[in-house]
Amino acid sequence: MTSLVREIPAAPSAIALMHFSNRLTFETDCSDVYGSQQACEVDFVLVDTRAR
């Protein structure tokens, strides 16, 4: 019996690399934002899109 985790096969490495590389176009890591704020290097607009 296959688990729910393995029900959908993993993407090939090239496609996974493209997917995660493209995410960086639209998103950033929260630790990078925090580091920039702590260093007073805030040259960006931070938009919080979390739902209430």
Protein backbone atom coordinates (compact mmCIF):
# COMPACT_ATOMS: atom_id res chain seq x y z
CA MET A 1 0.00 0.00 0.00
CA THR A 2 1.37 3.43 -0.99
CA SER A 3 1.25 6.22 1.59
CA LEU A 4 -0.43 9.53 0.82
CA VAL A 5 3.05 11.10 0.76
CA ARG A 6 4.14 8.90 -2.11
CA GLU A 7 0.82 8.86 -3.96
CA ILE A 8 2.04 11.61 -6.31
CA PRO A 9 5.57 10.93 -7.57
CA ALA A 10 8.31 13.48 -6.97
CA ALA A 11 9.12 15.86 -9.79
CA PRO A 12 12.32 15.29 -11.77
CA SER A 13 15.29 17.25 -10.38
CA ALA A 14 15.40 19.74 -13.27
CA ILE A 15 11.74 20.66 -12.83
CA ALA A 16 12.09 20.94 -9.04
CA LEU A 17 15.12 23.24 -9.45
CA MET A 18 13.20 25.43 -11.89
CA HIS A 19 10.18 25.58 -9.56
CA PHE A 20 12.12 26.61 -6.46
CA SER A 21 14.35 29.03 -8.38
CA ASN A 22 11.27 30.73 -9.84
CA ARG A 23 9.69 31.10 -6.39
CA LEU A 24 12.51 33.46 -5.43
CA THR A 25 11.21 35.87 -8.08
CA PHE A 26 8.05 36.39 -6.01
CA GLU A 27 9.00 35.47 -2.46
CA THR A 28 11.86 35.98 -0.04
CA ASP A 29 13.00 34.17 3.04
CA CYS A 30 11.77 35.68 6.32
CA SER A 31 15.27 35.44 7.82
CA ASP A 32 16.58 37.61 4.95
CA VAL A 33 13.91 40.22 5.70
CA TYR A 34 14.74 40.13 9.41
CA GLY A 35 18.47 40.44 8.73
CA SER A 36 17.92 43.44 6.45
CA GLN A 37 15.72 45.12 9.05
CA GLN A 38 18.26 44.54 11.82
CA ALA A 39 21.03 45.99 9.62
CA CYS A 40 18.85 49.03 8.76
CA GLU A 41 19.10 48.07 5.08
CA VAL A 42 15.42 48.29 4.24
CA ASP A 43 15.31 49.09 0.53
CA PHE A 44 12.10 47.17 -0.11
CA VAL A 45 8.39 47.30 0.62
CA LEU A 46 7.15 44.45 2.80
CA VAL A 47 3.59 43.36 2.06
CA ASP A 48 1.95 41.01 4.56
CA THR A 49 -0.55 38.90 2.63
CA ARG A 50 -1.60 36.56 5.43
CA ALA A 51 -5.32 36.07 5.78
CA ARG A 52 -6.99 37.18 9.00
